[in-house]
Amino acid sequence: MFLAFAILTLAGALSVLWQRNLILAGMSLVLSFLGLAGLFVLLANPVAAALQLIVYSGAIVVLVLFVIMLLNTHQEEPAERERPIQRWLGLASAALLGVGAVGAVLASPAVEGLKAAPASAMTLQGLGAALFRDHLLGFEVAGLLLLAAMVAAVLLVKKEV
């Protein structure tokens, strides 16, 4: 099952990268989020899986698709010319950064801590306690940031205020 969900997540993410149509890229993002929710279920964390489905696959992707459809009034302009050297240097630097990131994560002492301690399932009570007791300031800042983004989006769309 893990392999199926991992392939689903990676296929959705790669499809987002390679799609030229923004609507199809948004739908591929949903596919990736569904695979990620399945991985959370396999990790015995149904709360994170449900939040992944409700918040990301539902609300965020709908908002992104709405903005894409609302603001996409013209087609993208074609590139002036092909730049193969730029493409290959970009791929090489991305691969180098990826290998460095994997090496840094594997050399981290946190990985040893993850191997030693078994993961416990999160409950809604534990999530609520963590959000409203330990991370209350971050939770409130995220809410204010989302409110500001919503007001800015409405102001951008409306012609007359």
N, C-alpha and C. Protein backbone atom coordinates (compact mmCIF):
# COMPACT_ATOMS: atom_id res chain seq x y z
N MET A 1 0.81 -1.19 0.00
CA MET A 1 0.00 0.00 0.00
C MET A 1 0.86 1.26 0.00
N PHE A 2 1.99 1.19 0.77
CA PHE A 2 2.85 2.37 0.82
C PHE A 2 3.36 2.72 -0.57
N LEU A 3 3.76 1.73 -1.31
CA LEU A 3 4.29 1.99 -2.65
C LEU A 3 3.23 2.59 -3.56
N ALA A 4 2.00 2.13 -3.44
CA ALA A 4 0.93 2.67 -4.27
C ALA A 4 0.67 4.15 -3.94
N PHE A 5 0.61 4.47 -2.65
CA PHE A 5 0.38 5.87 -2.27
C PHE A 5 1.59 6.75 -2.60
N ALA A 6 2.79 6.20 -2.44
CA ALA A 6 3.98 6.98 -2.78
C ALA A 6 4.03 7.26 -4.28
N ILE A 7 3.70 6.28 -5.11
CA ILE A 7 3.69 6.48 -6.55
C ILE A 7 2.60 7.47 -6.94
N LEU A 8 1.44 7.38 -6.30
CA LEU A 8 0.35 8.32 -6.56
C LEU A 8 0.77 9.75 -6.21
N THR A 9 1.44 9.93 -5.07
CA THR A 9 1.89 11.25 -4.66
C THR A 9 2.94 11.79 -5.62
N LEU A 10 3.92 10.97 -5.97
CA LEU A 10 4.98 11.42 -6.88
C LEU A 10 4.45 11.68 -8.29
N ALA A 11 3.54 10.84 -8.76
CA ALA A 11 2.98 11.04 -10.09
C ALA A 11 2.19 12.35 -10.15
N GLY A 12 1.43 12.63 -9.12
CA GLY A 12 0.69 13.90 -9.07
C GLY A 12 1.62 15.10 -9.03
N ALA A 13 2.69 15.01 -8.22
CA ALA A 13 3.63 16.13 -8.12
C ALA A 13 4.38 16.34 -9.43
N LEU A 14 4.81 15.26 -10.06
CA LEU A 14 5.50 15.40 -11.35
C LEU A 14 4.56 15.92 -12.43
N SER A 15 3.30 15.52 -12.36
CA SER A 15 2.33 16.01 -13.33
C SER A 15 2.10 17.51 -13.16
N VAL A 16 2.14 17.99 -11.90
CA VAL A 16 2.03 19.43 -11.67
C VAL A 16 3.19 20.17 -12.33
N LEU A 17 4.37 19.58 -12.24
CA LEU A 17 5.54 20.23 -12.83
C LEU A 17 5.49 20.28 -14.36
N TRP A 18 4.98 19.23 -14.98
CA TRP A 18 5.08 19.12 -16.44
C TRP A 18 3.84 19.61 -17.18
N GLN A 19 2.75 19.92 -16.47
CA GLN A 19 1.53 20.37 -17.14
C GLN A 19 1.68 21.79 -17.66
N ARG A 20 1.22 22.03 -18.86
CA ARG A 20 1.20 23.40 -19.40
C ARG A 20 -0.15 24.06 -19.09
N ASN A 21 -1.19 23.27 -18.95
CA ASN A 21 -2.51 23.78 -18.62
C ASN A 21 -2.60 23.93 -17.10
N LEU A 22 -2.88 25.14 -16.63
CA LEU A 22 -2.89 25.39 -15.19
C LEU A 22 -4.03 24.67 -14.47
N ILE A 23 -5.16 24.50 -15.14
CA ILE A 23 -6.28 23.79 -14.51
C ILE A 23 -5.91 22.32 -14.29
N LEU A 24 -5.30 21.70 -15.29
CA LEU A 24 -4.87 20.31 -15.14
C LEU A 24 -3.78 20.19 -14.09
N ALA A 25 -2.93 21.20 -13.98
CA ALA A 25 -1.90 21.18 -12.93
C ALA A 25 -2.55 21.25 -11.55
N GLY A 26 -3.60 22.04 -11.41
CA GLY A 26 -4.31 22.10 -10.13
C GLY A 26 -4.99 20.78 -9.79
N MET A 27 -5.54 20.12 -10.80
CA MET A 27 -6.15 18.81 -10.56
C MET A 27 -5.09 17.76 -10.22
N SER A 28 -3.92 17.88 -10.81
CA SER A 28 -2.82 16.97 -10.47
C SER A 28 -2.36 17.21 -9.04
N LEU A 29 -2.47 18.45 -8.57
CA LEU A 29 -2.13 18.75 -7.19
C LEU A 29 -3.09 18.03 -6.24
N VAL A 30 -4.36 17.95 -6.62
CA VAL A 30 -5.33 17.19 -5.82
C VAL A 30 -4.91 15.73 -5.74
N LEU A 31 -4.48 15.17 -6.87
CA LEU A 31 -4.03 13.78 -6.89
C LEU A 31 -2.86 13.57 -5.94
N SER A 32 -1.93 14.50 -5.95
CA SER A 32 -0.79 14.41 -5.05
C SER A 32 -1.22 14.50 -3.58
N PHE A 33 -2.16 15.39 -3.29
CA PHE A 33 -2.65 15.52 -1.92
C PHE A 33 -3.41 14.27 -1.47
N LEU A 34 -4.12 13.62 -2.38
CA LEU A 34 -4.82 12.39 -2.01
C LEU A 34 -3.82 11.28 -1.67
N GLY A 35 -2.76 11.19 -2.45
CA GLY A 35 -1.72 10.20 -2.13
C GLY A 35 -1.07 10.49 -0.79
N LEU A 36 -0.85 11.77 -0.49
CA LEU A 36 -0.27 12.14 0.78
C LEU A 36 -1.21 11.81 1.94
N ALA A 37 -2.50 11.99 1.75
CA ALA A 37 -3.46 11.61 2.78
C ALA A 37 -3.42 10.11 3.02
N GLY A 38 -3.28 9.34 1.95
CA GLY A 38 -3.14 7.89 2.12
C GLY A 38 -1.89 7.52 2.90
N LEU A 39 -0.81 8.25 2.68
CA LEU A 39 0.42 7.99 3.45
C LEU A 39 0.21 8.31 4.92
N PHE A 40 -0.55 9.36 5.21
CA PHE A 40 -0.86 9.67 6.61
C PHE A 40 -1.69 8.57 7.25
N VAL A 41 -2.60 7.98 6.50
CA VAL A 41 -3.40 6.88 7.04
C VAL A 41 -2.50 5.70 7.36
N LEU A 42 -1.53 5.42 6.48
CA LEU A 42 -0.60 4.31 6.73
C LEU A 42 0.29 4.58 7.93
N LEU A 43 0.51 5.84 8.25
CA LEU A 43 1.31 6.19 9.43
C LEU A 43 0.46 6.21 10.71
N ALA A 44 -0.77 5.70 10.64
CA ALA A 44 -1.69 5.65 11.78
C ALA A 44 -2.00 7.05 12.30
N ASN A 45 -2.19 7.99 11.37
CA ASN A 45 -2.52 9.36 11.76
C ASN A 45 -3.74 9.82 10.97
N PRO A 46 -4.91 9.33 11.34
CA PRO A 46 -6.11 9.69 10.58
C PRO A 46 -6.49 11.16 10.69
N VAL A 47 -6.07 11.84 11.77
CA VAL A 47 -6.38 13.26 11.91
C VAL A 47 -5.64 14.05 10.83
N ALA A 48 -4.36 13.76 10.64
CA ALA A 48 -3.60 14.46 9.61
C ALA A 48 -4.13 14.12 8.22
N ALA A 49 -4.58 12.89 8.01
CA ALA A 49 -5.14 12.51 6.72
C ALA A 49 -6.44 13.28 6.45
N ALA A 50 -7.28 13.38 7.46
CA ALA A 50 -8.53 14.11 7.29
C ALA A 50 -8.26 15.60 7.06
N LEU A 51 -7.31 16.16 7.79
CA LEU A 51 -6.97 17.57 7.57
C LEU A 51 -6.37 17.78 6.19
N GLN A 52 -5.58 16.83 5.73
CA GLN A 52 -5.00 16.91 4.39
C GLN A 52 -6.12 16.93 3.34
N LEU A 53 -7.11 16.09 3.51
CA LEU A 53 -8.21 16.04 2.55
C LEU A 53 -9.08 17.28 2.62
N ILE A 54 -9.43 17.69 3.84
CA ILE A 54 -10.36 18.81 3.99
C ILE A 54 -9.69 20.14 3.66
N VAL A 55 -8.54 20.38 4.27
CA VAL A 55 -7.90 21.68 4.12
C VAL A 55 -7.22 21.82 2.77
N TYR A 56 -6.36 20.89 2.43
CA TYR A 56 -5.57 21.05 1.22
C TYR A 56 -6.34 20.62 -0.02
N SER A 57 -6.80 19.37 -0.05
CA SER A 57 -7.49 18.89 -1.25
C SER A 57 -8.80 19.62 -1.46
N GLY A 58 -9.43 20.05 -0.41
CA GLY A 58 -10.69 20.76 -0.55
C GLY A 58 -10.51 22.24 -0.70
N ALA A 59 -10.17 22.89 0.37
CA ALA A 59 -10.21 24.35 0.40
C ALA A 59 -9.09 25.02 -0.40
N ILE A 60 -7.87 24.63 -0.17
CA ILE A 60 -6.74 25.32 -0.80
C ILE A 60 -6.75 25.12 -2.31
N VAL A 61 -6.96 23.90 -2.78
CA VAL A 61 -6.94 23.67 -4.22
C VAL A 61 -8.13 24.35 -4.89
N VAL A 62 -9.28 24.36 -4.23
CA VAL A 62 -10.42 25.08 -4.81
C VAL A 62 -10.11 26.57 -4.91
N LEU A 63 -9.48 27.12 -3.88
CA LEU A 63 -9.10 28.53 -3.92
C LEU A 63 -8.08 28.80 -5.03
N VAL A 64 -7.09 27.94 -5.16
CA VAL A 64 -6.08 28.11 -6.22
C VAL A 64 -6.72 28.01 -7.59
N LEU A 65 -7.57 27.03 -7.80
CA LEU A 65 -8.23 26.89 -9.10
C LEU A 65 -9.16 28.07 -9.39
N PHE A 66 -9.83 28.57 -8.36
CA PHE A 66 -10.69 29.74 -8.54
C PHE A 66 -9.88 30.95 -8.97
N VAL A 67 -8.75 31.17 -8.33
CA VAL A 67 -7.89 32.30 -8.69
C VAL A 67 -7.32 32.12 -10.09
N ILE A 68 -6.92 30.91 -10.44
CA ILE A 68 -6.39 30.65 -11.78
C ILE A 68 -7.45 30.94 -12.83
N MET A 69 -8.66 30.46 -12.60
CA MET A 69 -9.72 30.69 -13.58
C MET A 69 -10.14 32.16 -13.61
N LEU A 70 -10.06 32.82 -12.48
CA LEU A 70 -10.47 34.22 -12.43
C LEU A 70 -9.45 35.14 -13.09
N LEU A 71 -8.19 34.89 -12.88
CA LEU A 71 -7.15 35.79 -13.36
C LEU A 71 -6.51 35.37 -14.67
N ASN A 72 -6.80 34.20 -15.16
CA ASN A 72 -6.17 33.71 -16.39
C ASN A 72 -6.94 34.26 -17.60
N THR A 73 -6.68 35.51 -17.95
CA THR A 73 -7.40 36.14 -19.05
C THR A 73 -6.64 36.05 -20.37
N HIS A 74 -5.39 35.68 -20.33
CA HIS A 74 -4.61 35.59 -21.57
C HIS A 74 -3.74 34.35 -21.53
N GLN A 75 -3.34 33.93 -22.71
CA GLN A 75 -2.47 32.77 -22.82
C GLN A 75 -1.04 33.19 -22.53
N GLU A 76 -0.23 32.23 -22.12
CA GLU A 76 1.16 32.53 -21.87
C GLU A 76 1.87 32.83 -23.18
N GLU A 77 2.80 33.75 -23.12
CA GLU A 77 3.57 34.07 -24.30
C GLU A 77 4.63 33.01 -24.50
N PRO A 78 4.87 32.59 -25.74
CA PRO A 78 5.90 31.58 -25.97
C PRO A 78 7.29 32.13 -25.67
N ALA A 79 8.18 31.25 -25.35
CA ALA A 79 9.55 31.66 -25.05
C ALA A 79 10.21 32.21 -26.31
N GLU A 80 11.12 33.16 -26.09
CA GLU A 80 11.76 33.79 -27.24
C GLU A 80 12.61 32.79 -28.02
N ARG A 81 13.40 32.02 -27.31
CA ARG A 81 14.24 31.02 -27.97
C ARG A 81 14.60 29.93 -26.96
N GLU A 82 15.02 28.83 -27.50
CA GLU A 82 15.44 27.73 -26.64
C GLU A 82 16.81 28.04 -26.03
N ARG A 83 16.96 27.66 -24.79
CA ARG A 83 18.24 27.85 -24.10
C ARG A 83 18.64 26.52 -23.47
N PRO A 84 19.26 25.63 -24.25
CA PRO A 84 19.59 24.31 -23.71
C PRO A 84 20.64 24.35 -22.61
N ILE A 85 21.57 25.29 -22.67
CA ILE A 85 22.61 25.35 -21.64
C ILE A 85 21.96 25.73 -20.30
N GLN A 86 21.04 26.67 -20.33
CA GLN A 86 20.35 27.08 -19.11
C GLN A 86 19.54 25.92 -18.53
N ARG A 87 18.91 25.15 -19.40
CA ARG A 87 18.12 24.01 -18.94
C ARG A 87 19.01 22.96 -18.27
N TRP A 88 20.12 22.62 -18.88
CA TRP A 88 21.01 21.59 -18.33
C TRP A 88 21.69 22.08 -17.05
N LEU A 89 22.09 23.35 -17.01
CA LEU A 89 22.68 23.87 -15.78
C LEU A 89 21.64 23.90 -14.65
N GLY A 90 20.40 24.21 -14.97
CA GLY A 90 19.35 24.18 -13.96
C GLY A 90 19.09 22.78 -13.43
N LEU A 91 19.05 21.80 -14.33
CA LEU A 91 18.86 20.41 -13.90
C LEU A 91 20.03 19.93 -13.05
N ALA A 92 21.25 20.28 -13.46
CA ALA A 92 22.43 19.85 -12.71
C ALA A 92 22.46 20.49 -11.33
N SER A 93 22.14 21.78 -11.24
CA SER A 93 22.14 22.43 -9.93
C SER A 93 21.01 21.91 -9.05
N ALA A 94 19.86 21.60 -9.63
CA ALA A 94 18.76 21.03 -8.84
C ALA A 94 19.14 19.64 -8.31
N ALA A 95 19.80 18.84 -9.14
CA ALA A 95 20.24 17.52 -8.69
C ALA A 95 21.28 17.64 -7.60
N LEU A 96 22.20 18.58 -7.74
CA LEU A 96 23.23 18.78 -6.73
C LEU A 96 22.63 19.24 -5.41
N LEU A 97 21.68 20.17 -5.48
CA LEU A 97 21.00 20.62 -4.27
C LEU A 97 20.18 19.49 -3.63
N GLY A 98 19.55 18.66 -4.46
CA GLY A 98 18.78 17.53 -3.94
C GLY A 98 19.66 16.53 -3.22
N VAL A 99 20.80 16.20 -3.82
CA VAL A 99 21.74 15.25 -3.18
C VAL A 99 22.26 15.85 -1.88
N GLY A 100 22.57 17.14 -1.89
CA GLY A 100 23.04 17.80 -0.66
C GLY A 100 21.98 17.80 0.43
N ALA A 101 20.72 18.04 0.05
CA ALA A 101 19.64 18.05 1.03
C ALA A 101 19.42 16.66 1.63
N VAL A 102 19.45 15.64 0.78
CA VAL A 102 19.29 14.27 1.28
C VAL A 102 20.45 13.91 2.21
N GLY A 103 21.67 14.29 1.83
CA GLY A 103 22.82 14.03 2.69
C GLY A 103 22.72 14.75 4.02
N ALA A 104 22.25 16.00 4.01
CA ALA A 104 22.11 16.75 5.25
C ALA A 104 21.04 16.13 6.16
N VAL A 105 19.96 15.68 5.56
CA VAL A 105 18.90 15.06 6.37
C VAL A 105 19.37 13.74 6.96
N LEU A 106 20.07 12.93 6.17
CA LEU A 106 20.54 11.65 6.68
C LEU A 106 21.62 11.81 7.74
N ALA A 107 22.40 12.88 7.68
CA ALA A 107 23.44 13.12 8.68
C ALA A 107 22.90 13.80 9.92
N SER A 108 21.64 14.20 9.92
CA SER A 108 21.06 14.92 11.04
C SER A 108 20.85 14.01 12.24
N PRO A 109 21.09 14.54 13.44
CA PRO A 109 20.82 13.72 14.63
C PRO A 109 19.33 13.46 14.85
N ALA A 110 18.47 14.25 14.23
CA ALA A 110 17.03 14.04 14.39
C ALA A 110 16.60 12.72 13.76
N VAL A 111 17.31 12.26 12.72
CA VAL A 111 16.96 11.00 12.08
C VAL A 111 17.18 9.84 13.04
N GLU A 112 18.24 9.91 13.82
CA GLU A 112 18.49 8.87 14.82
C GLU A 112 17.39 8.85 15.88
N GLY A 113 16.92 10.03 16.27
CA GLY A 113 15.83 10.11 17.23
C GLY A 113 14.54 9.52 16.69
N LEU A 114 14.30 9.69 15.38
CA LEU A 114 13.11 9.11 14.78
C LEU A 114 13.19 7.59 14.72
N LYS A 115 14.38 7.07 14.53
CA LYS A 115 14.53 5.61 14.49
C LYS A 115 14.31 4.99 15.86
N ALA A 116 14.67 5.72 16.91
CA ALA A 116 14.57 5.17 18.26
C ALA A 116 13.15 5.22 18.82
N ALA A 117 12.44 6.31 18.58
CA ALA A 117 11.12 6.47 19.19
C ALA A 117 10.02 6.08 18.20
N PRO A 118 9.13 5.17 18.59
CA PRO A 118 8.02 4.82 17.70
C PRO A 118 7.01 5.96 17.63
N ALA A 119 6.41 6.11 16.48
CA ALA A 119 5.42 7.18 16.28
C ALA A 119 4.10 6.79 16.94
N SER A 120 3.46 7.76 17.56
CA SER A 120 2.16 7.50 18.17
C SER A 120 1.09 8.21 17.34
N ALA A 121 -0.09 7.64 17.36
CA ALA A 121 -1.20 8.21 16.59
C ALA A 121 -1.66 9.51 17.24
N MET A 122 -1.96 10.49 16.41
CA MET A 122 -2.44 11.77 16.93
C MET A 122 -3.96 11.73 17.04
N THR A 123 -4.45 12.30 18.09
CA THR A 123 -5.90 12.40 18.28
C THR A 123 -6.32 13.85 18.11
N LEU A 124 -7.61 14.07 17.97
CA LEU A 124 -8.11 15.44 17.87
C LEU A 124 -7.86 16.23 19.15
N GLN A 125 -7.94 15.55 20.28
CA GLN A 125 -7.67 16.22 21.55
C GLN A 125 -6.22 16.68 21.63
N GLY A 126 -5.30 15.82 21.17
CA GLY A 126 -3.89 16.19 21.17
C GLY A 126 -3.59 17.31 20.19
N LEU A 127 -4.25 17.28 19.03
CA LEU A 127 -4.06 18.34 18.04
C LEU A 127 -4.58 19.67 18.57
N GLY A 128 -5.75 19.66 19.17
CA GLY A 128 -6.31 20.89 19.73
C GLY A 128 -5.45 21.45 20.85
N ALA A 129 -4.95 20.56 21.71
CA ALA A 129 -4.08 21.03 22.79
C ALA A 129 -2.79 21.61 22.24
N ALA A 130 -2.23 20.99 21.21
CA ALA A 130 -0.99 21.50 20.64
C ALA A 130 -1.21 22.84 19.95
N LEU A 131 -2.34 22.98 19.25
CA LEU A 131 -2.60 24.23 18.55
C LEU A 131 -2.90 25.38 19.50
N PHE A 132 -3.75 25.15 20.47
CA PHE A 132 -4.23 26.25 21.30
C PHE A 132 -3.46 26.45 22.59
N ARG A 133 -2.56 25.54 22.92
CA ARG A 133 -1.75 25.75 24.12
C ARG A 133 -0.30 26.03 23.73
N ASP A 134 0.28 25.18 22.91
CA ASP A 134 1.70 25.30 22.60
C ASP A 134 1.98 26.26 21.44
N HIS A 135 1.08 26.34 20.48
CA HIS A 135 1.32 27.13 19.27
C HIS A 135 0.23 28.17 19.03
N LEU A 136 -0.28 28.79 20.07
CA LEU A 136 -1.38 29.72 19.92
C LEU A 136 -0.99 30.95 19.11
N LEU A 137 0.20 31.49 19.34
CA LEU A 137 0.62 32.68 18.62
C LEU A 137 0.74 32.41 17.12
N GLY A 138 1.35 31.30 16.76
CA GLY A 138 1.46 30.95 15.35
C GLY A 138 0.11 30.70 14.71
N PHE A 139 -0.80 30.10 15.45
CA PHE A 139 -2.16 29.85 14.95
C PHE A 139 -2.88 31.16 14.68
N GLU A 140 -2.76 32.13 15.58
CA GLU A 140 -3.40 33.43 15.40
C GLU A 140 -2.76 34.21 14.26
N VAL A 141 -1.44 34.15 14.13
CA VAL A 141 -0.75 34.84 13.04
C VAL A 141 -1.16 34.25 11.70
N ALA A 142 -1.29 32.94 11.62
CA ALA A 142 -1.73 32.31 10.38
C ALA A 142 -3.15 32.75 10.02
N GLY A 143 -4.02 32.86 11.01
CA GLY A 143 -5.37 33.34 10.77
C GLY A 143 -5.40 34.77 10.26
N LEU A 144 -4.58 35.64 10.86
CA LEU A 144 -4.51 37.03 10.39
C LEU A 144 -3.92 37.12 8.98
N LEU A 145 -2.94 36.30 8.69
CA LEU A 145 -2.35 36.28 7.36
C LEU A 145 -3.36 35.83 6.31
N LEU A 146 -4.15 34.82 6.64
CA LEU A 146 -5.19 34.37 5.71
C LEU A 146 -6.26 35.44 5.53
N LEU A 147 -6.61 36.14 6.58
CA LEU A 147 -7.58 37.23 6.46
C LEU A 147 -7.04 38.35 5.57
N ALA A 148 -5.79 38.71 5.75
CA ALA A 148 -5.18 39.75 4.92
C ALA A 148 -5.12 39.31 3.46
N ALA A 149 -4.80 38.05 3.22
CA ALA A 149 -4.75 37.55 1.84
C ALA A 149 -6.14 37.57 1.21
N MET A 150 -7.17 37.25 1.98
CA MET A 150 -8.53 37.26 1.44
C MET A 150 -8.97 38.69 1.11
N VAL A 151 -8.67 39.64 1.98
CA VAL A 151 -9.01 41.03 1.71
C VAL A 151 -8.26 41.54 0.50
N ALA A 152 -6.99 41.21 0.38
CA ALA A 152 -6.19 41.63 -0.78
C ALA A 152 -6.73 41.03 -2.07
N ALA A 153 -7.15 39.76 -2.02
CA ALA A 153 -7.70 39.13 -3.23
C ALA A 153 -8.99 39.81 -3.65
N VAL A 154 -9.84 40.16 -2.69
CA VAL A 154 -11.09 40.85 -3.03
C VAL A 154 -10.79 42.22 -3.62
N LEU A 155 -9.83 42.95 -3.05
CA LEU A 155 -9.47 44.26 -3.57
C LEU A 155 -8.86 44.18 -4.97
N LEU A 156 -8.12 43.13 -5.25
CA LEU A 156 -7.55 42.96 -6.58
C LEU A 156 -8.60 42.66 -7.62
N VAL A 157 -9.62 41.93 -7.24
CA VAL A 157 -10.64 41.52 -8.20
C VAL A 157 -11.65 42.62 -8.47
N LYS A 158 -12.03 43.35 -7.43
CA LYS A 158 -13.06 44.39 -7.59
C LYS A 158 -12.47 45.60 -8.31
N LYS A 159 -13.20 46.11 -9.24
CA LYS A 159 -12.76 47.29 -9.99
C LYS A 159 -12.97 48.56 -9.18
N GLU A 160 -14.10 48.65 -8.51
CA GLU A 160 -14.41 49.83 -7.70
C GLU A 160 -14.67 49.36 -6.28
N VAL A 161 -14.06 50.04 -5.33
CA VAL A 161 -14.21 49.65 -3.93
C VAL A 161 -15.26 50.51 -3.26
